[in-house]
Amino acid sequence: MDSRADEPAVLTSHPATVGAISVRRALPQRRQRTVGAWCFADHLGPARVTAQRGLDIGPHPHIGLQTVTWLTAGEALHRDGLGTEQTIRPGQLNLMTAGRGLAHAEEATGSYEGRLEGIQLWVALPEATRHGPASFQHHADLPRFEGSALDVTVLVGAYGGVSSPTRHDTPLVGLDLALRAEALVPLAPAFEHALIVLEGAVSAPGATLEPGRIAIWQPGRDALRLVPLEPSRAILLGGPPFPETISMWWNFVARTRDEIAAAARSWRERDGRFAPVASALAPLEPPGVPWRLEGRPHP
């Protein structure tokens, strides 16, 4: 194990509001834009929702990415421009591949009332597939390992010799970890890895983490020894360093500013690139593209 892998970067998530829900935004960070192809991570809630007031994220467009939605509590309704209408519940995963362009909305279910919590992740698509057709997958059952110290649900990729059915276009791993006692989690040494704690507190190599902090290890580590300071739940993400330079702004993942500006213009003008979403919520509109309208450098 090389020295770079020994000490993680420990970063603070940024508070934000998405729709009607407060989130802790763990990725992207100025010091670390991606972990493998994972380029965005919002810890949603916890929040109280009603049958008619939920995430309340109106129709909005994406390009060049996949959205991965995983709830640990509650229910939400996904609608998109493919005509999908899919409720997601704890233990289930929604994967939307935007490709060249797809819009979606996240809504109340019309029936569920109570606590809502989870994580939404984005995956940057590689050049080979980022201009491809849009698609949607719902996985109601994912591989799960139960042990005395640790329960693992394989969201994306493989763990313990078992692979998730979730599509991924570059090597990736995404695990939900329910920790009750000290556990050793094997890693792929070629991957970067990040740990995001959703509940409780976890001691990891070089870091003690609670909700609102993320630890990122560079390639070279073959395992993580995790010690929960109380019963805890965390998300482990990993992948080889993404080989392409991406440009991210608003809901778009691209390679150039011109691609982003073109996508924003298509959405504003409703020129047919993004099929309409059958949602009663008001569509979201992009702010002015900062590097064109205000002369600020793209972050």
Protein backbone atom coordinates (compact mmCIF):
# COMPACT_ATOMS: atom_id res chain seq x y z
CA MET A 1 0.00 0.00 0.00
CA ASP A 2 1.57 3.30 -1.02
CA SER A 3 1.67 6.30 1.30
CA ARG A 4 -0.96 8.22 -0.67
CA ALA A 5 -3.54 5.60 0.31
CA ASP A 6 -2.86 5.82 4.06
CA GLU A 7 -4.45 9.16 4.89
CA PRO A 8 -7.78 10.16 3.39
CA ALA A 9 -8.95 13.61 2.45
CA VAL A 10 -11.69 14.41 4.98
CA LEU A 11 -14.07 17.03 3.64
CA THR A 12 -17.21 18.75 4.89
CA SER A 13 -20.42 18.40 2.91
CA HIS A 14 -22.13 21.60 1.78
CA PRO A 15 -25.72 22.30 2.91
CA ALA A 16 -28.16 22.87 0.09
CA THR A 17 -31.88 22.73 -0.64
CA VAL A 18 -33.21 20.53 -3.44
CA GLY A 19 -36.91 20.91 -4.12
CA ALA A 20 -38.45 20.91 -0.65
CA ILE A 21 -35.67 18.92 1.06
CA SER A 22 -32.47 19.95 2.81
CA VAL A 23 -29.42 17.98 1.67
CA ARG A 24 -25.77 17.55 2.57
CA ARG A 25 -23.79 17.72 -0.70
CA ALA A 26 -20.71 15.52 -0.33
CA LEU A 27 -19.63 15.64 -4.00
CA PRO A 28 -18.41 17.49 -5.96
CA GLN A 29 -15.83 19.25 -3.82
CA ARG A 30 -13.24 21.76 -4.92
CA ARG A 31 -10.49 19.41 -3.73
CA GLN A 32 -12.10 16.30 -5.23
CA ARG A 33 -14.52 16.58 -8.14
CA THR A 34 -15.01 12.84 -8.70
CA VAL A 35 -14.45 9.45 -7.08
CA GLY A 36 -14.14 7.11 -10.01
CA ALA A 37 -17.05 8.11 -12.25
CA TRP A 38 -19.13 9.15 -9.22
CA CYS A 39 -19.43 12.93 -9.62
CA PHE A 40 -22.26 13.98 -7.30
CA ALA A 41 -23.62 12.82 -3.94
CA ASP A 42 -26.52 14.39 -2.01
CA HIS A 43 -27.52 12.97 1.38
CA LEU A 44 -31.28 13.70 1.36
CA GLY A 45 -32.99 14.57 4.63
CA PRO A 46 -33.99 13.27 7.03
CA ALA A 47 -37.22 15.15 6.41
CA ARG A 48 -40.93 14.78 7.05
CA VAL A 49 -43.11 14.45 3.95
CA THR A 50 -46.81 14.13 3.35
CA ALA A 51 -48.87 12.39 0.69
CA GLN A 52 -48.95 15.61 -1.34
CA ARG A 53 -45.64 17.26 -0.36
CA GLY A 54 -42.49 15.22 -0.90
CA LEU A 55 -39.20 15.91 -2.66
CA ASP A 56 -41.10 18.37 -4.91
CA ILE A 57 -38.37 18.54 -7.56
CA GLY A 58 -40.09 19.71 -10.73
CA PRO A 59 -39.13 18.56 -14.24
CA HIS A 60 -35.52 19.32 -15.05
CA PRO A 61 -33.04 18.08 -17.68
CA HIS A 62 -29.86 16.00 -17.55
CA ILE A 63 -27.18 15.11 -20.07
CA GLY A 64 -24.13 12.85 -19.90
CA LEU A 65 -24.88 11.17 -16.59
CA GLN A 66 -26.79 8.54 -14.66
CA THR A 67 -28.83 9.33 -11.55
CA VAL A 68 -28.80 6.67 -8.83
CA THR A 69 -31.49 7.07 -6.15
CA TRP A 70 -31.43 4.97 -2.96
CA LEU A 71 -33.77 5.58 -0.03
CA THR A 72 -33.16 4.40 3.52
CA ALA A 73 -36.56 5.65 4.72
CA GLY A 74 -39.79 6.71 3.06
CA GLU A 75 -41.13 6.69 -0.49
CA ALA A 76 -40.85 8.95 -3.54
CA LEU A 77 -42.27 8.96 -7.06
CA HIS A 78 -40.08 9.26 -10.15
CA ARG A 79 -41.47 10.50 -13.49
CA ASP A 80 -39.44 11.06 -16.65
CA GLY A 81 -39.63 11.91 -20.32
CA LEU A 82 -39.67 8.23 -21.29
CA GLY A 83 -43.11 7.95 -19.68
CA THR A 84 -41.76 6.21 -16.57
CA GLU A 85 -43.82 6.51 -13.37
CA GLN A 86 -42.05 4.55 -10.63
CA THR A 87 -42.37 4.63 -6.85
CA ILE A 88 -39.17 3.87 -4.97
CA ARG A 89 -39.02 2.47 -1.42
CA PRO A 90 -36.21 1.48 0.95
CA GLY A 91 -34.24 -1.46 -0.41
CA GLN A 92 -35.01 -0.48 -4.01
CA LEU A 93 -32.87 1.44 -6.47
CA ASN A 94 -33.76 3.74 -9.37
CA LEU A 95 -31.20 4.26 -12.14
CA MET A 96 -31.86 6.82 -14.86
CA THR A 97 -29.41 7.09 -17.75
CA ALA A 98 -29.71 10.52 -19.36
CA GLY A 99 -27.40 9.94 -22.32
CA ARG A 100 -27.91 12.74 -24.87
CA GLY A 101 -30.77 14.14 -22.82
CA LEU A 102 -33.62 13.20 -20.48
CA ALA A 103 -35.78 15.18 -18.05
CA HIS A 104 -37.38 13.87 -14.86
CA ALA A 105 -39.22 14.94 -11.71
CA GLU A 106 -39.23 13.59 -8.14
CA GLU A 107 -42.57 13.89 -6.35
CA ALA A 108 -44.74 12.89 -3.42
CA THR A 109 -46.40 9.50 -3.88
CA GLY A 110 -49.96 10.57 -3.13
CA SER A 111 -50.12 8.07 -0.26
CA TYR A 112 -46.93 7.96 1.87
CA GLU A 113 -46.56 10.23 4.88
CA GLY A 114 -43.62 10.14 7.29
CA ARG A 115 -39.83 10.22 7.35
CA LEU A 116 -37.81 10.46 4.12
CA GLU A 117 -34.07 9.92 3.89
CA GLY A 118 -31.62 8.57 1.36
CA ILE A 119 -28.93 9.49 -1.12
CA GLN A 120 -28.92 10.56 -4.73
CA LEU A 121 -25.77 9.96 -6.73
CA TRP A 122 -24.66 10.91 -10.22
CA VAL A 123 -22.33 8.89 -12.41
CA ALA A 124 -20.47 10.58 -15.27
CA LEU A 125 -20.93 8.60 -18.47
CA PRO A 126 -17.81 7.89 -20.55
CA GLU A 127 -17.36 9.18 -24.09
CA ALA A 128 -18.52 5.85 -25.53
CA THR A 129 -22.05 6.14 -24.09
CA ARG A 130 -22.66 9.75 -23.08
CA HIS A 131 -24.38 10.61 -26.37
CA GLY A 132 -26.43 7.40 -26.35
CA PRO A 133 -30.15 6.86 -25.82
CA ALA A 134 -31.84 7.52 -22.49
CA SER A 135 -33.11 4.63 -20.35
CA PHE A 136 -34.50 3.81 -16.92
CA GLN A 137 -34.05 0.83 -14.58
CA HIS A 138 -35.81 0.01 -11.32
CA HIS A 139 -34.31 -2.72 -9.15
CA ALA A 140 -36.65 -3.97 -6.43
CA ASP A 141 -34.18 -6.58 -5.17
CA LEU A 142 -30.41 -6.21 -4.88
CA PRO A 143 -27.72 -8.61 -3.61
CA ARG A 144 -27.46 -8.45 0.18
CA PHE A 145 -25.05 -10.00 2.67
CA GLU A 146 -25.96 -10.23 6.36
CA GLY A 147 -23.41 -10.76 9.10
CA SER A 148 -23.06 -10.30 12.83
CA ALA A 149 -21.05 -7.07 12.42
CA LEU A 150 -22.10 -5.79 9.00
CA ASP A 151 -24.93 -5.98 6.46
CA VAL A 152 -23.97 -5.07 2.89
CA THR A 153 -26.31 -4.23 0.00
CA VAL A 154 -24.58 -4.14 -3.39
CA LEU A 155 -26.02 -1.10 -5.16
CA VAL A 156 -23.60 -1.02 -8.10
CA GLY A 157 -20.73 -3.29 -9.11
CA ALA A 158 -19.62 -6.36 -7.20
CA TYR A 159 -18.90 -7.42 -3.62
CA GLY A 160 -18.27 -10.82 -2.11
CA GLY A 161 -18.26 -12.48 -5.51
CA VAL A 162 -21.78 -11.25 -6.35
CA SER A 163 -22.64 -8.52 -8.87
CA SER A 164 -25.51 -6.04 -8.78
CA PRO A 165 -27.76 -6.00 -11.86
CA THR A 166 -27.46 -2.20 -12.00
CA ARG A 167 -25.99 -0.89 -15.24
CA HIS A 168 -22.62 0.81 -15.09
CA ASP A 169 -20.54 1.91 -18.07
CA THR A 170 -17.19 2.15 -16.25
CA PRO A 171 -15.83 0.00 -13.39
CA LEU A 172 -17.65 1.08 -10.22
CA VAL A 173 -18.70 -0.05 -6.80
CA GLY A 174 -21.46 1.34 -4.59
CA LEU A 175 -22.32 -0.33 -1.28
CA ASP A 176 -24.81 0.36 1.49
CA LEU A 177 -23.17 -0.64 4.81
CA ALA A 178 -25.17 -1.20 8.00
CA LEU A 179 -22.53 -1.45 10.76
CA ARG A 180 -23.05 -2.91 14.23
CA ALA A 181 -19.49 -3.86 15.15
CA GLU A 182 -15.94 -3.60 13.79
CA ALA A 183 -15.71 -4.93 10.24
CA LEU A 184 -13.06 -5.24 7.53
CA VAL A 185 -14.38 -4.26 4.09
CA PRO A 186 -12.22 -5.41 1.15
CA LEU A 187 -11.44 -2.88 -1.57
CA ALA A 188 -10.16 -2.94 -5.15
CA PRO A 189 -6.64 -1.40 -4.89
CA ALA A 190 -6.98 0.27 -8.31
CA PHE A 191 -10.02 2.25 -7.15
CA GLU A 192 -10.41 5.58 -5.40
CA HIS A 193 -12.92 5.19 -2.55
CA ALA A 194 -15.20 7.48 -0.57
CA LEU A 195 -17.20 6.85 2.60
CA ILE A 196 -20.32 8.91 3.38
CA VAL A 197 -22.01 8.27 6.74
CA LEU A 198 -25.80 8.61 6.69
CA GLU A 199 -26.54 7.62 10.30
CA GLY A 200 -24.42 7.26 13.43
CA ALA A 201 -20.63 7.68 13.55
CA VAL A 202 -17.84 5.55 12.12
CA SER A 203 -14.13 5.41 12.82
CA ALA A 204 -12.20 4.65 9.62
CA PRO A 205 -8.47 4.70 8.76
CA GLY A 206 -7.40 8.30 9.25
CA ALA A 207 -10.87 9.67 9.96
CA THR A 208 -13.87 9.67 12.26
CA LEU A 209 -17.01 10.40 10.28
CA GLU A 210 -20.54 11.54 11.08
CA PRO A 211 -23.27 12.77 8.72
CA GLY A 212 -21.97 15.84 6.91
CA ARG A 213 -18.39 14.61 6.34
CA ILE A 214 -16.87 12.50 3.56
CA ALA A 215 -13.54 10.67 3.55
CA ILE A 216 -11.78 9.93 0.26
CA TRP A 217 -8.91 7.47 -0.14
CA GLN A 218 -6.66 7.40 -3.20
CA PRO A 219 -5.88 4.13 -5.03
CA GLY A 220 -3.61 1.66 -3.26
CA ARG A 221 -5.72 0.50 -0.33
CA ASP A 222 -7.00 -3.09 -0.29
CA ALA A 223 -9.34 -2.88 2.72
CA LEU A 224 -11.05 -0.51 5.14
CA ARG A 225 -11.35 -1.36 8.82
CA LEU A 226 -14.53 0.33 10.00
CA VAL A 227 -15.51 0.71 13.64
CA PRO A 228 -19.01 2.05 14.36
CA LEU A 229 -19.15 4.22 17.47
CA GLU A 230 -22.89 3.41 17.53
CA PRO A 231 -25.09 1.48 15.11
CA SER A 232 -24.35 3.26 11.83
CA ARG A 233 -25.17 3.32 8.15
CA ALA A 234 -22.80 4.47 5.42
CA ILE A 235 -22.38 4.50 1.65
CA LEU A 236 -19.07 3.32 0.16
CA LEU A 237 -18.32 4.50 -3.38
CA GLY A 238 -15.39 3.55 -5.57
CA GLY A 239 -13.94 3.39 -9.05
CA PRO A 240 -10.69 3.93 -10.93
CA PRO A 241 -9.83 7.60 -11.43
CA PHE A 242 -12.07 8.86 -14.24
CA PRO A 243 -9.81 9.27 -17.30
CA GLU A 244 -11.79 12.08 -18.97
CA THR A 245 -11.97 15.72 -17.92
CA ILE A 246 -15.60 16.60 -17.30
CA SER A 247 -17.38 19.93 -17.12
CA MET A 248 -20.32 20.11 -14.69
CA TRP A 249 -22.87 22.88 -14.34
CA TRP A 250 -26.46 22.84 -13.03
CA ASN A 251 -27.86 19.41 -14.03
CA PHE A 252 -25.44 18.72 -16.86
CA VAL A 253 -22.26 16.65 -17.15
CA ALA A 254 -20.36 17.32 -20.37
CA ARG A 255 -16.86 17.93 -21.69
CA THR A 256 -17.12 21.53 -22.89
CA ARG A 257 -18.91 24.71 -21.92
CA ASP A 258 -20.46 24.89 -25.38
CA GLU A 259 -22.17 21.52 -24.82
CA ILE A 260 -23.60 22.77 -21.55
CA ALA A 261 -24.77 26.06 -23.04
CA ALA A 262 -26.46 24.16 -25.89
CA ALA A 263 -28.28 21.85 -23.45
CA ALA A 264 -29.47 24.81 -21.36
CA ARG A 265 -30.72 26.55 -24.51
CA SER A 266 -32.57 23.40 -25.64
CA TRP A 267 -34.32 23.18 -22.28
CA ARG A 268 -35.27 26.86 -22.22
CA GLU A 269 -36.58 26.76 -25.78
CA ARG A 270 -38.28 23.35 -25.43
CA ASP A 271 -36.86 22.42 -28.83
CA GLY A 272 -37.63 18.69 -28.49
CA ARG A 273 -34.28 17.46 -27.21
CA PHE A 274 -35.85 16.78 -23.80
CA ALA A 275 -39.22 15.01 -23.94
CA PRO A 276 -41.85 16.49 -21.62
CA VAL A 277 -42.50 14.98 -18.20
CA ALA A 278 -46.10 14.29 -17.11
CA SER A 279 -45.77 16.17 -13.83
CA ALA A 280 -48.02 18.73 -12.16
CA LEU A 281 -44.93 20.43 -10.67
CA ALA A 282 -43.51 23.53 -12.34
CA PRO A 283 -40.42 22.88 -14.48
CA LEU A 284 -37.11 24.13 -13.14
CA GLU A 285 -35.34 26.73 -15.25
CA PRO A 286 -31.55 27.05 -15.45
CA PRO A 287 -29.84 30.15 -14.16
CA GLY A 288 -27.75 32.16 -16.57
CA VAL A 289 -24.70 30.25 -17.73
CA PRO A 290 -22.11 32.01 -15.55
CA TRP A 291 -19.12 32.06 -17.86
CA ARG A 292 -21.15 33.53 -20.73
CA LEU A 293 -23.35 36.04 -18.92
CA GLU A 294 -21.17 37.18 -16.06
CA GLY A 295 -17.63 36.49 -17.20
CA ARG A 296 -16.87 34.28 -14.22
CA PRO A 297 -14.69 31.21 -14.77
CA HIS A 298 -16.52 27.89 -14.77
CA PRO A 299 -15.98 26.21 -11.37
